[in-house]
Amino acid sequence: MVLVGSFVACSSSVAPSDSGVDAGSSTDAATDSTPVDSATIDTGTIEGGVGDAGRCGVTGTYDLETYFCGTVDITASWKAVIPTETITITDAVTGGCRADFKYSSSTCSETEAVEFSAALGQVTASYKGIDSCMPTSCTFAPGDAPCVIGDRKGDRAVTITSVQGGLNRLVIETDDPGICRTAGKPRITLVQR
């Protein structure tokens, strides 16, 4: 999202004259303590998703709440194989969001990072690939492909929506079938701790 222009902000006193704030009709903005109802701030251009300029806006630690393939809820079967999935979302260095996924079971632990161009909406997800496998080439279940450093790397289009309901939730949906294959689009819901 890119915002360009001027915005009106409330103020309890006049801002200094060199602050870039148009404080209205005050005679000496640096010393006048006359209350001002509003001020116009020229922001220039702000880039990024939700939140401050270039910031993610949905940072925090999340857990997997649900996993759907189309309309089929596979959460229980997913958690039977991978009981712990922790997602830590931070500000990406390049703007947008970085999500560090950690999948853990008694037989395997793997981590991977995904960067999103913005926090919400239809965005590009840049999968950085698996960056850790413990132990090397581990599997979560018999017949599972072994964990391989660099696997799953690439860009994908995803849609991220925010759902409120006592806790912050993010819903991430993609056209990439992944484990869903032909059962429908994968859709996961993450709940913030």
C-alpha atoms as a PDB file:
ATOM      1  CA  MET A   1       0.000   0.000   0.000  1.00  0.00           C
ATOM      2  CA  VAL A   2       1.282   3.466  -0.798  1.00  0.00           C
ATOM      3  CA  LEU A   3      -0.181   6.576   0.819  1.00  0.00           C
ATOM      4  CA  VAL A   4       0.666   9.974  -0.592  1.00  0.00           C
ATOM      5  CA  GLY A   5      -0.384  13.411   0.597  1.00  0.00           C
ATOM      6  CA  SER A   6      -1.362  15.325   3.695  1.00  0.00           C
ATOM      7  CA  PHE A   7      -3.216  14.018   6.714  1.00  0.00           C
ATOM      8  CA  VAL A   8      -4.941  15.820   9.571  1.00  0.00           C
ATOM      9  CA  ALA A   9      -3.843  14.994  13.108  1.00  0.00           C
ATOM     10  CA  CYS A  10      -5.125  16.231  16.442  1.00  0.00           C
ATOM     11  CA  SER A  11      -2.812  18.310  18.597  1.00  0.00           C
ATOM     12  CA  SER A  12      -3.032  19.637  22.133  1.00  0.00           C
ATOM     13  CA  SER A  13      -0.604  22.494  21.576  1.00  0.00           C
ATOM     14  CA  VAL A  14       1.089  24.281  18.719  1.00  0.00           C
ATOM     15  CA  ALA A  15       4.071  22.518  17.156  1.00  0.00           C
ATOM     16  CA  PRO A  16       7.432  24.244  16.622  1.00  0.00           C
ATOM     17  CA  SER A  17       7.579  26.237  13.384  1.00  0.00           C
ATOM     18  CA  ASP A  18      10.402  24.095  11.953  1.00  0.00           C
ATOM     19  CA  SER A  19       8.529  20.803  12.473  1.00  0.00           C
ATOM     20  CA  GLY A  20       6.800  20.718   9.078  1.00  0.00           C
ATOM     21  CA  VAL A  21       3.412  21.121  10.757  1.00  0.00           C
ATOM     22  CA  ASP A  22       1.036  23.819   9.515  1.00  0.00           C
ATOM     23  CA  ALA A  23      -0.364  24.973  12.850  1.00  0.00           C
ATOM     24  CA  GLY A  24      -2.926  27.386  11.431  1.00  0.00           C
ATOM     25  CA  SER A  25      -3.110  31.019  12.498  1.00  0.00           C
ATOM     26  CA  SER A  26      -0.685  30.994  15.432  1.00  0.00           C
ATOM     27  CA  THR A  27       1.756  33.936  15.393  1.00  0.00           C
ATOM     28  CA  ASP A  28       4.819  32.151  16.778  1.00  0.00           C
ATOM     29  CA  ALA A  29       4.435  28.385  16.715  1.00  0.00           C
ATOM     30  CA  ALA A  30       7.671  27.847  18.642  1.00  0.00           C
ATOM     31  CA  THR A  31       6.513  29.752  21.751  1.00  0.00           C
ATOM     32  CA  ASP A  32       2.732  30.012  21.484  1.00  0.00           C
ATOM     33  CA  SER A  33       0.930  27.584  23.813  1.00  0.00           C
ATOM     34  CA  THR A  34      -2.523  28.269  22.337  1.00  0.00           C
ATOM     35  CA  PRO A  35      -4.383  24.970  21.863  1.00  0.00           C
ATOM     36  CA  VAL A  36      -4.891  23.928  18.257  1.00  0.00           C
ATOM     37  CA  ASP A  37      -7.715  21.628  17.205  1.00  0.00           C
ATOM     38  CA  SER A  38      -5.893  20.138  14.254  1.00  0.00           C
ATOM     39  CA  ALA A  39      -2.715  20.326  12.258  1.00  0.00           C
ATOM     40  CA  THR A  40      -1.905  19.280   8.710  1.00  0.00           C
ATOM     41  CA  ILE A  41       1.187  17.135   8.361  1.00  0.00           C
ATOM     42  CA  ASP A  42       2.799  16.652   4.959  1.00  0.00           C
ATOM     43  CA  THR A  43       3.878  13.014   5.092  1.00  0.00           C
ATOM     44  CA  GLY A  44       5.268  12.640   1.616  1.00  0.00           C
ATOM     45  CA  THR A  45       4.981   8.975   0.638  1.00  0.00           C
ATOM     46  CA  ILE A  46       4.472   6.115   3.096  1.00  0.00           C
ATOM     47  CA  GLU A  47       5.053   2.588   1.811  1.00  0.00           C
ATOM     48  CA  GLY A  48       4.282  -0.675   3.557  1.00  0.00           C
ATOM     49  CA  GLY A  49       1.373  -2.682   4.803  1.00  0.00           C
ATOM     50  CA  VAL A  50      -0.643  -2.089   7.930  1.00  0.00           C
ATOM     51  CA  GLY A  51       1.108  -0.058  10.608  1.00  0.00           C
ATOM     52  CA  ASP A  52       3.930   2.460  10.496  1.00  0.00           C
ATOM     53  CA  ALA A  53       5.748   3.296   7.268  1.00  0.00           C
ATOM     54  CA  GLY A  54       7.502   0.169   6.010  1.00  0.00           C
ATOM     55  CA  ARG A  55       6.412  -1.800   9.054  1.00  0.00           C
ATOM     56  CA  CYS A  56       4.475  -5.037   9.157  1.00  0.00           C
ATOM     57  CA  GLY A  57       1.642  -4.151  11.540  1.00  0.00           C
ATOM     58  CA  VAL A  58       0.827  -7.760  12.555  1.00  0.00           C
ATOM     59  CA  THR A  59       4.058  -8.657  14.363  1.00  0.00           C
ATOM     60  CA  GLY A  60       3.993 -11.250  17.115  1.00  0.00           C
ATOM     61  CA  THR A  61       4.060 -14.975  17.788  1.00  0.00           C
ATOM     62  CA  TYR A  62       1.290 -17.092  16.305  1.00  0.00           C
ATOM     63  CA  ASP A  63       0.208 -20.739  16.488  1.00  0.00           C
ATOM     64  CA  LEU A  64      -1.613 -22.766  13.861  1.00  0.00           C
ATOM     65  CA  GLU A  65      -5.322 -22.794  14.717  1.00  0.00           C
ATOM     66  CA  THR A  66      -6.858 -24.436  11.636  1.00  0.00           C
ATOM     67  CA  TYR A  67      -5.691 -25.957   8.357  1.00  0.00           C
ATOM     68  CA  PHE A  68      -8.179 -26.434   5.519  1.00  0.00           C
ATOM     69  CA  CYS A  69      -7.872 -27.888   2.019  1.00  0.00           C
ATOM     70  CA  GLY A  70     -10.813 -26.186   0.336  1.00  0.00           C
ATOM     71  CA  THR A  71     -13.734 -27.019   2.646  1.00  0.00           C
ATOM     72  CA  VAL A  72     -12.050 -30.044   4.256  1.00  0.00           C
ATOM     73  CA  ASP A  73     -10.656 -29.429   7.745  1.00  0.00           C
ATOM     74  CA  ILE A  74      -7.328 -31.301   8.032  1.00  0.00           C
ATOM     75  CA  THR A  75      -6.239 -29.613  11.280  1.00  0.00           C
ATOM     76  CA  ALA A  76      -6.434 -32.786  13.423  1.00  0.00           C
ATOM     77  CA  SER A  77      -4.504 -34.946  10.945  1.00  0.00           C
ATOM     78  CA  TRP A  78      -1.902 -32.180  10.432  1.00  0.00           C
ATOM     79  CA  LYS A  79      -1.388 -31.772  14.193  1.00  0.00           C
ATOM     80  CA  ALA A  80      -1.165 -35.559  14.662  1.00  0.00           C
ATOM     81  CA  VAL A  81       1.943 -35.485  12.444  1.00  0.00           C
ATOM     82  CA  ILE A  82       3.272 -31.989  13.291  1.00  0.00           C
ATOM     83  CA  PRO A  83       1.954 -31.178  16.779  1.00  0.00           C
ATOM     84  CA  THR A  84       3.812 -27.875  17.162  1.00  0.00           C
ATOM     85  CA  GLU A  85       3.885 -25.099  14.589  1.00  0.00           C
ATOM     86  CA  THR A  86       5.065 -21.686  15.772  1.00  0.00           C
ATOM     87  CA  ILE A  87       5.099 -18.653  13.494  1.00  0.00           C
ATOM     88  CA  THR A  88       6.984 -15.522  14.528  1.00  0.00           C
ATOM     89  CA  ILE A  89       6.111 -12.471  12.424  1.00  0.00           C
ATOM     90  CA  THR A  90       8.476  -9.500  12.416  1.00  0.00           C
ATOM     91  CA  ASP A  91       9.170  -6.450  10.259  1.00  0.00           C
ATOM     92  CA  ALA A  92      11.043  -7.495   7.118  1.00  0.00           C
ATOM     93  CA  VAL A  93      14.243  -5.564   6.458  1.00  0.00           C
ATOM     94  CA  THR A  94      12.955  -4.643   2.984  1.00  0.00           C
ATOM     95  CA  GLY A  95       9.486  -3.621   4.240  1.00  0.00           C
ATOM     96  CA  GLY A  96       6.410  -5.763   4.679  1.00  0.00           C
ATOM     97  CA  CYS A  97       6.529  -8.806   6.961  1.00  0.00           C
ATOM     98  CA  ARG A  98       8.825 -11.746   7.668  1.00  0.00           C
ATOM     99  CA  ALA A  99       7.298 -14.951   9.043  1.00  0.00           C
ATOM    100  CA  ASP A 100       9.625 -17.538  10.575  1.00  0.00           C
ATOM    101  CA  PHE A 101       7.867 -20.915  10.652  1.00  0.00           C
ATOM    102  CA  LYS A 102       9.040 -23.676  13.004  1.00  0.00           C
ATOM    103  CA  TYR A 103       7.492 -27.129  12.635  1.00  0.00           C
ATOM    104  CA  SER A 104       8.259 -29.671  15.391  1.00  0.00           C
ATOM    105  CA  SER A 105       7.465 -33.262  16.273  1.00  0.00           C
ATOM    106  CA  SER A 106       9.245 -35.982  18.240  1.00  0.00           C
ATOM    107  CA  THR A 107      11.056 -37.091  15.052  1.00  0.00           C
ATOM    108  CA  CYS A 108      11.791 -33.851  13.197  1.00  0.00           C
ATOM    109  CA  SER A 109      12.137 -30.097  13.494  1.00  0.00           C
ATOM    110  CA  GLU A 110      12.403 -27.749  10.522  1.00  0.00           C
ATOM    111  CA  THR A 111      12.381 -23.996  10.066  1.00  0.00           C
ATOM    112  CA  GLU A 112      11.745 -21.770   7.086  1.00  0.00           C
ATOM    113  CA  ALA A 113      11.244 -18.069   6.454  1.00  0.00           C
ATOM    114  CA  VAL A 114       8.644 -16.394   4.253  1.00  0.00           C
ATOM    115  CA  GLU A 115       8.582 -12.677   3.444  1.00  0.00           C
ATOM    116  CA  PHE A 116       5.314 -10.981   2.522  1.00  0.00           C
ATOM    117  CA  SER A 117       5.252  -7.763   0.504  1.00  0.00           C
ATOM    118  CA  ALA A 118       2.572  -6.372   2.868  1.00  0.00           C
ATOM    119  CA  ALA A 119       0.728  -7.505   5.983  1.00  0.00           C
ATOM    120  CA  LEU A 120      -2.740  -7.880   4.454  1.00  0.00           C
ATOM    121  CA  GLY A 121      -4.416  -8.322   1.087  1.00  0.00           C
ATOM    122  CA  GLN A 122      -3.284 -10.074  -2.071  1.00  0.00           C
ATOM    123  CA  VAL A 123       0.481 -10.141  -1.665  1.00  0.00           C
ATOM    124  CA  THR A 124       3.598 -11.868  -2.916  1.00  0.00           C
ATOM    125  CA  ALA A 125       4.993 -14.442  -0.506  1.00  0.00           C
ATOM    126  CA  SER A 126       8.694 -15.019  -1.048  1.00  0.00           C
ATOM    127  CA  TYR A 127       9.534 -18.419   0.420  1.00  0.00           C
ATOM    128  CA  LYS A 128      13.227 -18.434   1.372  1.00  0.00           C
ATOM    129  CA  GLY A 129      13.338 -22.226   1.610  1.00  0.00           C
ATOM    130  CA  ILE A 130      13.918 -24.563   4.529  1.00  0.00           C
ATOM    131  CA  ASP A 131      16.892 -23.277   6.510  1.00  0.00           C
ATOM    132  CA  SER A 132      17.193 -25.903   9.260  1.00  0.00           C
ATOM    133  CA  CYS A 133      16.526 -29.638   9.607  1.00  0.00           C
ATOM    134  CA  MET A 134      17.064 -31.370  12.968  1.00  0.00           C
ATOM    135  CA  PRO A 135      18.221 -34.079  12.616  1.00  0.00           C
ATOM    136  CA  THR A 136      19.549 -33.835   9.075  1.00  0.00           C
ATOM    137  CA  SER A 137      17.105 -35.265   6.476  1.00  0.00           C
ATOM    138  CA  CYS A 138      14.501 -35.983   9.166  1.00  0.00           C
ATOM    139  CA  THR A 139      10.887 -36.840   8.352  1.00  0.00           C
ATOM    140  CA  PHE A 140       7.677 -36.116  10.223  1.00  0.00           C
ATOM    141  CA  ALA A 141       5.982 -39.405   9.278  1.00  0.00           C
ATOM    142  CA  PRO A 142       6.773 -42.651   7.440  1.00  0.00           C
ATOM    143  CA  GLY A 143       6.685 -41.980   3.692  1.00  0.00           C
ATOM    144  CA  ASP A 144       7.168 -38.243   4.220  1.00  0.00           C
ATOM    145  CA  ALA A 145       9.756 -36.548   1.995  1.00  0.00           C
ATOM    146  CA  PRO A 146      12.937 -35.863   4.002  1.00  0.00           C
ATOM    147  CA  CYS A 147      13.677 -32.348   5.214  1.00  0.00           C
ATOM    148  CA  VAL A 148      16.085 -30.725   2.730  1.00  0.00           C
ATOM    149  CA  ILE A 149      17.777 -27.336   3.219  1.00  0.00           C
ATOM    150  CA  GLY A 150      16.561 -24.932   0.491  1.00  0.00           C
ATOM    151  CA  ASP A 151      13.422 -26.931  -0.343  1.00  0.00           C
ATOM    152  CA  ARG A 152      10.137 -25.007  -1.006  1.00  0.00           C
ATOM    153  CA  LYS A 153      11.980 -21.888  -2.187  1.00  0.00           C
ATOM    154  CA  GLY A 154      10.122 -19.515  -4.523  1.00  0.00           C
ATOM    155  CA  ASP A 155       7.485 -16.794  -4.841  1.00  0.00           C
ATOM    156  CA  ARG A 156       3.764 -17.466  -4.553  1.00  0.00           C
ATOM    157  CA  ALA A 157       0.684 -15.258  -4.562  1.00  0.00           C
ATOM    158  CA  VAL A 158      -1.249 -15.418  -1.293  1.00  0.00           C
ATOM    159  CA  THR A 159      -4.201 -13.626   0.232  1.00  0.00           C
ATOM    160  CA  ILE A 160      -3.945 -12.613   3.901  1.00  0.00           C
ATOM    161  CA  THR A 161      -6.940 -11.390   5.873  1.00  0.00           C
ATOM    162  CA  SER A 162      -7.208 -10.363   9.506  1.00  0.00           C
ATOM    163  CA  VAL A 163      -9.954 -11.710  11.713  1.00  0.00           C
ATOM    164  CA  GLN A 164     -10.728 -10.367  15.164  1.00  0.00           C
ATOM    165  CA  GLY A 165     -12.370 -12.513  17.782  1.00  0.00           C
ATOM    166  CA  GLY A 166     -10.831 -11.944  21.169  1.00  0.00           C
ATOM    167  CA  LEU A 167      -7.391 -12.760  19.783  1.00  0.00           C
ATOM    168  CA  ASN A 168      -5.733 -11.563  16.591  1.00  0.00           C
ATOM    169  CA  ARG A 169      -6.066 -14.098  13.813  1.00  0.00           C
ATOM    170  CA  LEU A 170      -4.582 -14.146  10.330  1.00  0.00           C
ATOM    171  CA  VAL A 171      -6.034 -16.255   7.525  1.00  0.00           C
ATOM    172  CA  ILE A 172      -3.569 -17.140   4.751  1.00  0.00           C
ATOM    173  CA  GLU A 173      -4.843 -18.682   1.511  1.00  0.00           C
ATOM    174  CA  THR A 174      -2.885 -19.616  -1.601  1.00  0.00           C
ATOM    175  CA  ASP A 175      -3.529 -21.145  -5.029  1.00  0.00           C
ATOM    176  CA  ASP A 176      -0.432 -23.355  -4.601  1.00  0.00           C
ATOM    177  CA  PRO A 177      -1.962 -26.747  -3.721  1.00  0.00           C
ATOM    178  CA  GLY A 178       0.942 -27.938  -1.536  1.00  0.00           C
ATOM    179  CA  ILE A 179      -0.232 -30.888   0.528  1.00  0.00           C
ATOM    180  CA  CYS A 180      -3.841 -30.275  -0.492  1.00  0.00           C
ATOM    181  CA  ARG A 181      -3.142 -31.426  -4.060  1.00  0.00           C
ATOM    182  CA  THR A 182      -6.604 -31.546  -5.685  1.00  0.00           C
ATOM    183  CA  ALA A 183      -8.696 -31.145  -2.499  1.00  0.00           C
ATOM    184  CA  GLY A 184      -8.888 -27.345  -2.836  1.00  0.00           C
ATOM    185  CA  LYS A 185      -6.901 -24.268  -1.920  1.00  0.00           C
ATOM    186  CA  PRO A 186      -4.846 -24.474   1.277  1.00  0.00           C
ATOM    187  CA  ARG A 187      -6.098 -22.050   3.932  1.00  0.00           C
ATOM    188  CA  ILE A 188      -4.548 -21.748   7.362  1.00  0.00           C
ATOM    189  CA  THR A 189      -5.654 -19.662  10.321  1.00  0.00           C
ATOM    190  CA  LEU A 190      -3.029 -18.422  12.739  1.00  0.00           C
ATOM    191  CA  VAL A 191      -3.905 -17.163  16.216  1.00  0.00           C
ATOM    192  CA  GLN A 192      -1.674 -14.740  18.082  1.00  0.00           C
ATOM    193  CA  ARG A 193      -0.425 -15.791  21.528  1.00  0.00           C
END
